[in-house]
């Protein structure tokens, strides 16, 4: 891999990588750190790839300017839970708990990110399992298991073996958005594609979903901005 700079306001650092499997030039901006990567097929010259990036320059700069900056989770910060901002405050006892407007995290200040993360992952698993059970029953199919991860490129997936995977960060989204993602992945138990038949299944078990899809497109990226010391 090599790095080149596109001159402009501001300059853009671009990482070039070649792939024997690539059939065309692809451009990717990491949601994690804003890194711009161009993937080149083996027969495309570096100058052609940079020319492609130059054409996309205004779009790249606009995207980078609007990228969510990281929010380090700590006492006093706000983190969304089920779509509602909660201020992280210290408390007594041993268990993290959710109260009106607050996420109460007892113990040492340094342990707050880890404890908050553990609480949110557990809450996410419980709510996503309940939603998956609900929609699987409506679909008339069963799934083989659920895993919770911190994925950047997708909110969920369904394997050919019927195993569901979700991003734990969905617990920060409004409940209707979490429900939609669960319905979407459960519908793949019947249709392993995105055909019209698949979307018909989503509508049948969930109902209208455009508002939730729109929220993920416009606001979902912000959920990746919260850092829990991981």
Protein backbone atom coordinates (compact mmCIF):
# COMPACT_ATOMS: atom_id res chain seq x y z
CA UNK A 1 0.00 0.00 0.00
CA UNK A 2 1.12 3.54 -0.73
CA UNK A 3 -0.14 6.94 0.38
CA UNK A 4 -0.68 9.95 -1.84
CA UNK A 5 -2.03 13.44 -1.16
CA UNK A 6 -4.79 15.16 -3.13
CA UNK A 7 -4.09 18.89 -3.11
CA UNK A 8 -7.00 21.13 -2.15
CA UNK A 9 -8.78 22.80 0.72
CA UNK A 10 -8.06 20.80 2.77
CA UNK A 11 -5.53 18.32 1.40
CA UNK A 12 -6.69 14.70 1.49
CA UNK A 13 -4.40 11.77 2.35
CA UNK A 14 -5.35 8.76 0.20
CA UNK A 15 -4.17 5.18 0.73
CA UNK A 16 -3.80 3.16 -2.48
CA UNK A 17 -4.04 -0.62 -2.37
CA UNK A 18 -4.11 -3.15 -5.19
CA UNK A 19 -6.34 -6.19 -5.28
CA UNK A 20 -6.21 -9.04 -7.74
CA UNK A 21 -9.92 -9.60 -7.10
CA UNK A 22 -11.03 -6.01 -7.73
CA UNK A 23 -12.79 -5.41 -11.04
CA UNK A 24 -13.07 -1.63 -10.76
CA UNK A 25 -11.73 1.24 -8.69
CA UNK A 26 -13.50 1.52 -5.36
CA UNK A 27 -13.40 4.36 -2.86
CA UNK A 28 -13.94 3.84 0.87
CA UNK A 29 -13.97 6.28 3.78
CA UNK A 30 -13.58 4.59 7.13
CA UNK A 31 -16.32 5.46 9.62
CA UNK A 32 -13.86 4.68 12.39
CA UNK A 33 -10.97 7.05 11.61
CA UNK A 34 -11.87 8.85 8.36
CA UNK A 35 -9.13 7.14 6.35
CA UNK A 36 -9.66 7.37 2.59
CA UNK A 37 -8.72 4.20 0.69
CA UNK A 38 -8.68 3.56 -3.05
CA UNK A 39 -8.68 -0.08 -4.14
CA UNK A 40 -7.24 -0.62 -7.62
CA UNK A 41 -7.55 -3.58 -10.01
CA UNK A 42 -4.16 -4.87 -11.09
CA UNK A 43 -4.38 -3.30 -14.58
CA UNK A 44 -5.32 0.24 -13.46
CA UNK A 45 -2.53 2.81 -13.22
CA UNK A 46 -1.93 4.89 -10.14
CA UNK A 47 -2.48 8.11 -12.12
CA UNK A 48 -5.89 6.88 -13.30
CA UNK A 49 -6.87 6.04 -9.74
CA UNK A 50 -5.77 9.45 -8.48
CA UNK A 51 -7.70 11.08 -11.32
CA UNK A 52 -10.78 9.21 -10.13
CA UNK A 53 -10.15 10.46 -6.58
CA UNK A 54 -9.72 14.04 -7.82
CA UNK A 55 -13.15 13.88 -9.47
CA UNK A 56 -14.61 12.68 -6.18
CA UNK A 57 -12.69 15.32 -4.20
CA UNK A 58 -15.67 17.59 -3.38
CA UNK A 59 -17.71 14.61 -2.20
CA UNK A 60 -14.82 13.27 -0.08
CA UNK A 61 -14.26 16.65 1.60
CA UNK A 62 -17.97 17.07 2.29
CA UNK A 63 -18.14 13.59 3.80
CA UNK A 64 -15.06 14.13 5.96
CA UNK A 65 -16.34 17.51 7.15
CA UNK A 66 -19.59 15.94 8.31
CA UNK A 67 -17.96 12.91 9.93
CA UNK A 68 -18.94 12.39 13.52
CA UNK A 69 -16.10 13.11 15.90
CA UNK A 70 -15.42 10.63 18.64
CA UNK A 71 -17.14 11.10 22.01
CA UNK A 72 -15.15 9.59 24.86
CA UNK A 73 -17.64 8.08 27.26
CA UNK A 74 -17.03 9.27 30.83
CA UNK A 75 -18.83 10.76 33.82
CA UNK A 76 -20.82 13.82 32.80
CA UNK A 77 -21.07 12.82 29.13
CA UNK A 78 -24.37 11.95 27.49
CA UNK A 79 -24.92 8.69 25.65
CA UNK A 80 -28.16 7.72 23.89
CA UNK A 81 -30.00 4.66 25.17
CA UNK A 82 -33.09 3.59 23.22
CA UNK A 83 -32.94 6.90 21.38
CA UNK A 84 -32.94 9.06 24.50
CA UNK A 85 -29.86 10.95 25.78
CA UNK A 86 -28.75 9.80 29.21
CA UNK A 87 -26.16 11.59 31.27
CA UNK A 88 -23.60 9.27 32.84
CA UNK A 89 -23.46 9.91 36.58
CA UNK A 90 -21.82 8.20 39.53
CA UNK A 91 -23.90 6.14 41.94
CA UNK A 92 -23.84 3.70 44.79
CA UNK A 93 -24.12 -0.06 44.76
CA UNK A 94 -22.53 -2.47 42.31
CA UNK A 95 -24.85 -2.62 39.29
CA UNK A 96 -25.20 -0.12 36.47
CA UNK A 97 -28.79 1.05 36.18
CA UNK A 98 -30.90 3.15 33.89
CA UNK A 99 -33.10 5.90 35.29
CA UNK A 100 -34.96 8.84 33.79
CA UNK A 101 -32.38 10.92 31.96
CA UNK A 102 -29.41 9.13 33.54
CA UNK A 103 -27.16 6.12 33.21
CA UNK A 104 -25.91 5.49 36.74
CA UNK A 105 -22.49 3.85 36.91
CA UNK A 106 -21.05 3.07 40.37
CA UNK A 107 -17.37 2.51 41.16
CA UNK A 108 -14.12 4.13 40.13
CA UNK A 109 -14.21 6.83 37.48
CA UNK A 110 -11.66 4.95 35.38
CA UNK A 111 -13.99 1.94 35.15
CA UNK A 112 -16.97 3.94 33.87
CA UNK A 113 -16.42 3.27 30.12
CA UNK A 114 -15.99 -0.48 30.65
CA UNK A 115 -19.00 -0.80 32.97
CA UNK A 116 -21.23 1.32 30.72
CA UNK A 117 -20.21 -0.75 27.70
CA UNK A 118 -20.94 -4.02 29.46
CA UNK A 119 -24.36 -2.77 30.53
CA UNK A 120 -25.28 -1.59 27.03
CA UNK A 121 -24.13 -4.83 25.39
CA UNK A 122 -26.22 -6.90 27.79
CA UNK A 123 -29.24 -4.66 27.27
CA UNK A 124 -28.75 -4.87 23.50
CA UNK A 125 -28.59 -8.66 23.55
CA UNK A 126 -31.75 -8.93 25.65
CA UNK A 127 -33.78 -6.53 23.54
CA UNK A 128 -32.54 -7.88 20.21
CA UNK A 129 -33.27 -11.45 21.32
CA UNK A 130 -36.80 -10.44 22.32
CA UNK A 131 -37.35 -8.63 19.01
CA UNK A 132 -35.92 -11.56 17.04
CA UNK A 133 -38.18 -14.01 18.88
CA UNK A 134 -41.19 -11.81 18.13
CA UNK A 135 -40.53 -11.49 14.41
CA UNK A 136 -39.42 -15.11 14.00
CA UNK A 137 -42.75 -16.19 15.47
CA UNK A 138 -44.58 -13.95 13.00
CA UNK A 139 -42.51 -15.32 10.14
CA UNK A 140 -43.02 -18.92 11.23
CA UNK A 141 -39.30 -19.69 11.18
CA UNK A 142 -36.69 -20.22 13.88
CA UNK A 143 -33.11 -19.02 14.06
CA UNK A 144 -30.13 -20.97 15.38
CA UNK A 145 -28.51 -18.32 17.55
CA UNK A 146 -27.65 -14.66 18.10
CA UNK A 147 -24.30 -12.89 18.40
CA UNK A 148 -23.62 -9.25 19.29
CA UNK A 149 -20.64 -7.44 17.78
CA UNK A 150 -19.36 -3.95 17.10
CA UNK A 151 -19.61 -3.89 13.31
CA UNK A 152 -18.93 -0.77 11.25
CA UNK A 153 -20.21 -1.81 7.83
CA UNK A 154 -23.59 -3.36 8.70
CA UNK A 155 -26.18 -3.29 11.45
CA UNK A 156 -26.98 -6.97 11.24
CA UNK A 157 -26.72 -10.13 9.21
CA UNK A 158 -28.22 -13.58 8.88
CA UNK A 159 -26.08 -16.57 7.93
CA UNK A 160 -27.20 -19.47 5.76
CA UNK A 161 -27.23 -21.54 8.96
CA UNK A 162 -29.84 -19.22 10.44
CA UNK A 163 -27.56 -17.42 12.88
CA UNK A 164 -28.35 -13.75 13.47
CA UNK A 165 -25.70 -11.11 14.14
CA UNK A 166 -26.38 -7.56 15.31
CA UNK A 167 -24.40 -4.48 16.18
CA UNK A 168 -24.77 -3.84 19.90
CA UNK A 169 -24.89 -0.10 19.10
CA UNK A 170 -28.49 -0.58 17.98
CA UNK A 171 -29.43 -0.22 21.67
CA UNK A 172 -28.55 3.46 21.31
CA UNK A 173 -31.00 3.91 18.42
CA UNK A 174 -34.75 4.50 18.86
CA UNK A 175 -36.57 1.24 19.68
CA UNK A 176 -38.44 1.33 16.36
CA UNK A 177 -35.10 1.27 14.52
CA UNK A 178 -33.85 -1.70 16.56
CA UNK A 179 -37.11 -3.51 15.82
CA UNK A 180 -36.78 -2.84 12.09
CA UNK A 181 -33.24 -4.23 11.93
CA UNK A 182 -34.38 -7.34 13.81
CA UNK A 183 -37.29 -7.81 11.40
CA UNK A 184 -34.97 -7.28 8.43
CA UNK A 185 -32.52 -9.97 9.53
CA UNK A 186 -35.25 -12.40 10.61
CA UNK A 187 -36.88 -12.04 7.17
CA UNK A 188 -33.65 -13.43 5.69
CA UNK A 189 -34.51 -16.74 7.32
CA UNK A 190 -37.10 -17.02 4.56
CA UNK A 191 -35.44 -15.03 1.79
CA UNK A 192 -31.62 -14.93 1.65
CA UNK A 193 -31.62 -11.99 -0.73
CA UNK A 194 -33.05 -8.50 -1.12
CA UNK A 195 -35.66 -9.37 -3.72
CA UNK A 196 -39.19 -8.02 -3.80
CA UNK A 197 -40.25 -11.21 -2.03
CA UNK A 198 -37.85 -10.39 0.81
CA UNK A 199 -39.19 -6.87 1.26
CA UNK A 200 -42.71 -8.26 1.19
CA UNK A 201 -41.78 -10.49 4.13
CA UNK A 202 -40.32 -7.52 6.02
CA UNK A 203 -43.55 -5.61 5.47
CA UNK A 204 -45.66 -8.59 6.51
CA UNK A 205 -43.93 -9.17 9.83
CA UNK A 206 -42.98 -5.56 10.62
CA UNK A 207 -45.16 -3.15 8.68
CA UNK A 208 -43.88 0.04 7.00
CA UNK A 209 -40.16 0.49 7.48
CA UNK A 210 -39.05 3.48 5.37
CA UNK A 211 -38.81 5.87 8.34
CA UNK A 212 -36.50 3.47 10.16
CA UNK A 213 -34.31 2.91 7.11
CA UNK A 214 -34.08 6.66 6.62
CA UNK A 215 -33.01 7.14 10.24
CA UNK A 216 -30.18 4.65 9.80
CA UNK A 217 -28.99 6.47 6.68
CA UNK A 218 -29.12 9.95 8.20
CA UNK A 219 -28.41 9.39 11.90
CA UNK A 220 -27.00 5.90 12.27
CA UNK A 221 -23.39 6.92 11.66
CA UNK A 222 -23.44 9.04 14.81
CA UNK A 223 -23.71 5.90 16.94
CA UNK A 224 -20.20 4.89 15.88
CA UNK A 225 -18.80 8.09 17.37
CA UNK A 226 -19.13 6.93 20.98
CA UNK A 227 -15.87 5.53 22.36
CA UNK A 228 -15.84 3.29 25.41
CA UNK A 229 -12.12 2.97 25.73
CA UNK A 230 -12.11 -0.05 23.37
